[in-house]
Amino acid sequence: MKANGSPGLDSFWKRYSVALKSRERKLQLATVLKCTRERKLQLATVLKCTRERKLQLATVAWPGRLTAPFVR
C-alpha cells in the first residue's frame, strides 16, 4: 500500500488513465477519418466541376452533338 491511498485506488487510476489514452487515440483516428472524408468530398467536387466544365467545352466545340439538357 502506498502512502497516498490503497492499492485498489492506484489500480483504478491506472485503468482510468489507460481508458483516457485509448479514448484520445480513438478521437484522433476519428478526426483523421473525418478529414480524409472531407478531402475526398472536396476532390469529388473538383472532379464534378471538371466534368461539368468539359461538358460545357464539348458543347461549345461541337454544338448539337450533345443532347439539349447539356446545352447552356
N, C-alpha and C. Protein backbone atom coordinates (compact mmCIF):
# COMPACT_ATOMS: atom_id res chain seq x y z
N MET A 1 0.84 -1.18 0.00
CA MET A 1 0.00 0.00 0.00
C MET A 1 0.88 1.24 0.00
N LYS A 2 0.52 2.19 -0.87
CA LYS A 2 1.31 3.41 -0.97
C LYS A 2 0.82 4.43 0.03
N ALA A 3 1.63 5.47 0.22
CA ALA A 3 1.30 6.48 1.22
C ALA A 3 0.07 7.29 0.84
N ASN A 4 -0.21 7.43 -0.48
CA ASN A 4 -1.31 8.31 -0.88
C ASN A 4 -2.65 7.58 -1.00
N GLY A 5 -2.71 6.28 -0.78
CA GLY A 5 -4.00 5.60 -0.87
C GLY A 5 -3.86 4.11 -0.92
N SER A 6 -4.94 3.45 -1.21
CA SER A 6 -4.95 1.99 -1.24
C SER A 6 -4.48 1.48 -2.60
N PRO A 7 -4.04 0.21 -2.65
CA PRO A 7 -3.61 -0.35 -3.94
C PRO A 7 -4.78 -0.43 -4.93
N GLY A 8 -6.00 -0.62 -4.42
CA GLY A 8 -7.16 -0.66 -5.31
C GLY A 8 -7.38 0.67 -6.00
N LEU A 9 -7.15 1.75 -5.28
CA LEU A 9 -7.32 3.08 -5.86
C LEU A 9 -6.25 3.35 -6.91
N ASP A 10 -5.02 2.91 -6.63
CA ASP A 10 -3.95 3.08 -7.61
C ASP A 10 -4.27 2.34 -8.90
N SER A 11 -4.75 1.10 -8.79
CA SER A 11 -5.05 0.34 -10.00
C SER A 11 -6.23 0.97 -10.74
N PHE A 12 -7.18 1.57 -10.01
CA PHE A 12 -8.29 2.27 -10.67
C PHE A 12 -7.76 3.41 -11.53
N TRP A 13 -6.83 4.21 -10.96
CA TRP A 13 -6.31 5.36 -11.71
C TRP A 13 -5.49 4.91 -12.90
N LYS A 14 -4.78 3.79 -12.77
CA LYS A 14 -4.04 3.27 -13.92
C LYS A 14 -5.00 2.88 -15.04
N ARG A 15 -6.07 2.14 -14.68
CA ARG A 15 -7.07 1.74 -15.68
C ARG A 15 -7.73 2.97 -16.29
N TYR A 16 -8.02 3.96 -15.44
CA TYR A 16 -8.68 5.18 -15.90
C TYR A 16 -7.79 5.92 -16.90
N SER A 17 -6.51 6.02 -16.59
CA SER A 17 -5.60 6.74 -17.49
C SER A 17 -5.43 5.97 -18.80
N VAL A 18 -5.40 4.65 -18.75
CA VAL A 18 -5.32 3.85 -19.98
C VAL A 18 -6.59 4.06 -20.82
N ALA A 19 -7.74 4.09 -20.16
CA ALA A 19 -9.01 4.31 -20.87
C ALA A 19 -9.03 5.69 -21.52
N LEU A 20 -8.51 6.70 -20.81
CA LEU A 20 -8.47 8.05 -21.37
C LEU A 20 -7.57 8.11 -22.59
N LYS A 21 -6.39 7.46 -22.49
CA LYS A 21 -5.47 7.45 -23.62
C LYS A 21 -6.10 6.75 -24.82
N SER A 22 -6.81 5.65 -24.55
CA SER A 22 -7.48 4.92 -25.62
C SER A 22 -8.55 5.79 -26.27
N ARG A 23 -9.30 6.51 -25.44
CA ARG A 23 -10.36 7.38 -25.97
C ARG A 23 -9.76 8.50 -26.81
N GLU A 24 -8.65 9.09 -26.33
CA GLU A 24 -7.99 10.15 -27.09
C GLU A 24 -7.50 9.61 -28.42
N ARG A 25 -6.97 8.39 -28.43
CA ARG A 25 -6.50 7.79 -29.66
C ARG A 25 -7.65 7.60 -30.63
N LYS A 26 -8.80 7.12 -30.11
CA LYS A 26 -9.98 6.93 -30.96
C LYS A 26 -10.46 8.26 -31.53
N LEU A 27 -10.41 9.32 -30.71
CA LEU A 27 -10.83 10.63 -31.20
C LEU A 27 -9.89 11.13 -32.29
N GLN A 28 -8.59 10.89 -32.11
CA GLN A 28 -7.62 11.29 -33.13
C GLN A 28 -7.89 10.55 -34.43
N LEU A 29 -8.14 9.24 -34.33
CA LEU A 29 -8.44 8.46 -35.52
C LEU A 29 -9.73 8.95 -36.19
N ALA A 30 -10.73 9.26 -35.38
CA ALA A 30 -11.99 9.76 -35.93
C ALA A 30 -11.76 11.09 -36.65
N THR A 31 -10.91 11.93 -36.08
CA THR A 31 -10.60 13.22 -36.72
C THR A 31 -9.88 13.00 -38.04
N VAL A 32 -8.93 12.08 -38.06
CA VAL A 32 -8.21 11.77 -39.30
C VAL A 32 -9.18 11.25 -40.35
N LEU A 33 -10.08 10.34 -39.95
CA LEU A 33 -11.05 9.80 -40.91
C LEU A 33 -11.98 10.89 -41.41
N LYS A 34 -12.39 11.79 -40.52
CA LYS A 34 -13.27 12.89 -40.93
C LYS A 34 -12.55 13.78 -41.94
N CYS A 35 -11.29 14.10 -41.66
CA CYS A 35 -10.52 14.94 -42.58
C CYS A 35 -10.35 14.24 -43.92
N THR A 36 -10.09 12.93 -43.88
CA THR A 36 -9.95 12.17 -45.13
C THR A 36 -11.25 12.20 -45.91
N ARG A 37 -12.38 12.01 -45.20
CA ARG A 37 -13.68 12.02 -45.87
C ARG A 37 -13.94 13.40 -46.48
N GLU A 38 -13.60 14.48 -45.74
CA GLU A 38 -13.79 15.84 -46.27
C GLU A 38 -12.90 16.07 -47.49
N ARG A 39 -11.68 15.54 -47.44
CA ARG A 39 -10.77 15.70 -48.57
C ARG A 39 -11.33 14.98 -49.80
N LYS A 40 -11.88 13.77 -49.56
CA LYS A 40 -12.49 13.03 -50.66
C LYS A 40 -13.68 13.77 -51.25
N LEU A 41 -14.47 14.40 -50.36
CA LEU A 41 -15.61 15.19 -50.84
C LEU A 41 -15.13 16.38 -51.66
N GLN A 42 -14.06 17.03 -51.20
CA GLN A 42 -13.51 18.16 -51.95
C GLN A 42 -13.02 17.69 -53.32
N LEU A 43 -12.32 16.55 -53.34
CA LEU A 43 -11.84 16.02 -54.61
C LEU A 43 -13.00 15.66 -55.53
N ALA A 44 -14.04 15.06 -54.94
CA ALA A 44 -15.22 14.70 -55.75
C ALA A 44 -15.86 15.95 -56.33
N THR A 45 -15.90 17.02 -55.54
CA THR A 45 -16.47 18.29 -56.02
C THR A 45 -15.62 18.85 -57.16
N VAL A 46 -14.31 18.80 -56.99
CA VAL A 46 -13.40 19.28 -58.04
C VAL A 46 -13.60 18.46 -59.31
N LEU A 47 -13.68 17.12 -59.16
CA LEU A 47 -13.88 16.27 -60.33
C LEU A 47 -15.21 16.55 -61.00
N LYS A 48 -16.25 16.77 -60.18
CA LYS A 48 -17.56 17.08 -60.74
C LYS A 48 -17.51 18.39 -61.52
N CYS A 49 -16.87 19.41 -60.94
CA CYS A 49 -16.74 20.69 -61.64
C CYS A 49 -15.94 20.54 -62.92
N THR A 50 -14.87 19.74 -62.86
CA THR A 50 -14.06 19.50 -64.05
C THR A 50 -14.89 18.81 -65.12
N ARG A 51 -15.69 17.81 -64.72
CA ARG A 51 -16.53 17.09 -65.67
C ARG A 51 -17.56 18.02 -66.30
N GLU A 52 -18.17 18.88 -65.46
CA GLU A 52 -19.15 19.84 -65.97
C GLU A 52 -18.48 20.81 -66.94
N ARG A 53 -17.27 21.24 -66.60
CA ARG A 53 -16.53 22.18 -67.46
C ARG A 53 -16.23 21.51 -68.80
N LYS A 54 -15.84 20.24 -68.75
CA LYS A 54 -15.56 19.52 -70.01
C LYS A 54 -16.81 19.41 -70.86
N LEU A 55 -17.95 19.16 -70.19
CA LEU A 55 -19.22 19.10 -70.93
C LEU A 55 -19.53 20.45 -71.58
N GLN A 56 -19.30 21.53 -70.84
CA GLN A 56 -19.54 22.86 -71.41
C GLN A 56 -18.62 23.10 -72.60
N LEU A 57 -17.34 22.73 -72.44
CA LEU A 57 -16.39 22.92 -73.53
C LEU A 57 -16.78 22.07 -74.73
N ALA A 58 -17.23 20.83 -74.47
CA ALA A 58 -17.65 19.96 -75.56
C ALA A 58 -18.86 20.55 -76.27
N THR A 59 -19.75 21.16 -75.51
CA THR A 59 -20.94 21.77 -76.10
C THR A 59 -20.54 22.95 -76.98
N VAL A 60 -19.56 23.74 -76.51
CA VAL A 60 -19.10 24.88 -77.30
C VAL A 60 -18.38 24.40 -78.56
N ALA A 61 -17.54 23.34 -78.40
CA ALA A 61 -16.74 22.86 -79.53
C ALA A 61 -17.61 22.17 -80.58
N TRP A 62 -18.58 21.38 -80.13
CA TRP A 62 -19.44 20.65 -81.06
C TRP A 62 -20.91 20.90 -80.74
N PRO A 63 -21.43 22.05 -81.07
CA PRO A 63 -22.84 22.28 -80.76
C PRO A 63 -23.71 21.29 -81.53
N GLY A 64 -24.72 20.79 -80.86
CA GLY A 64 -25.63 19.85 -81.50
C GLY A 64 -25.25 18.40 -81.30
N ARG A 65 -24.02 18.12 -80.87
CA ARG A 65 -23.62 16.71 -80.67
C ARG A 65 -24.11 16.17 -79.35
N LEU A 66 -24.35 17.05 -78.38
CA LEU A 66 -24.86 16.61 -77.09
C LEU A 66 -26.36 16.90 -77.05
N THR A 67 -27.04 16.21 -76.16
CA THR A 67 -28.49 16.39 -76.08
C THR A 67 -28.82 17.74 -75.46
N ALA A 68 -30.02 18.17 -75.63
CA ALA A 68 -30.45 19.50 -75.21
C ALA A 68 -30.22 19.83 -73.73
N PRO A 69 -30.45 18.90 -72.78
CA PRO A 69 -30.25 19.29 -71.37
C PRO A 69 -28.83 19.74 -71.04
N PHE A 70 -27.83 19.32 -71.83
CA PHE A 70 -26.46 19.71 -71.52
C PHE A 70 -26.10 21.07 -72.11
N VAL A 71 -26.89 21.55 -73.04
CA VAL A 71 -26.58 22.82 -73.68
C VAL A 71 -27.01 23.95 -72.77
N ARG A 72 -26.11 24.89 -72.56
CA ARG A 72 -26.45 26.03 -71.68
C ARG A 72 -26.57 27.29 -72.51
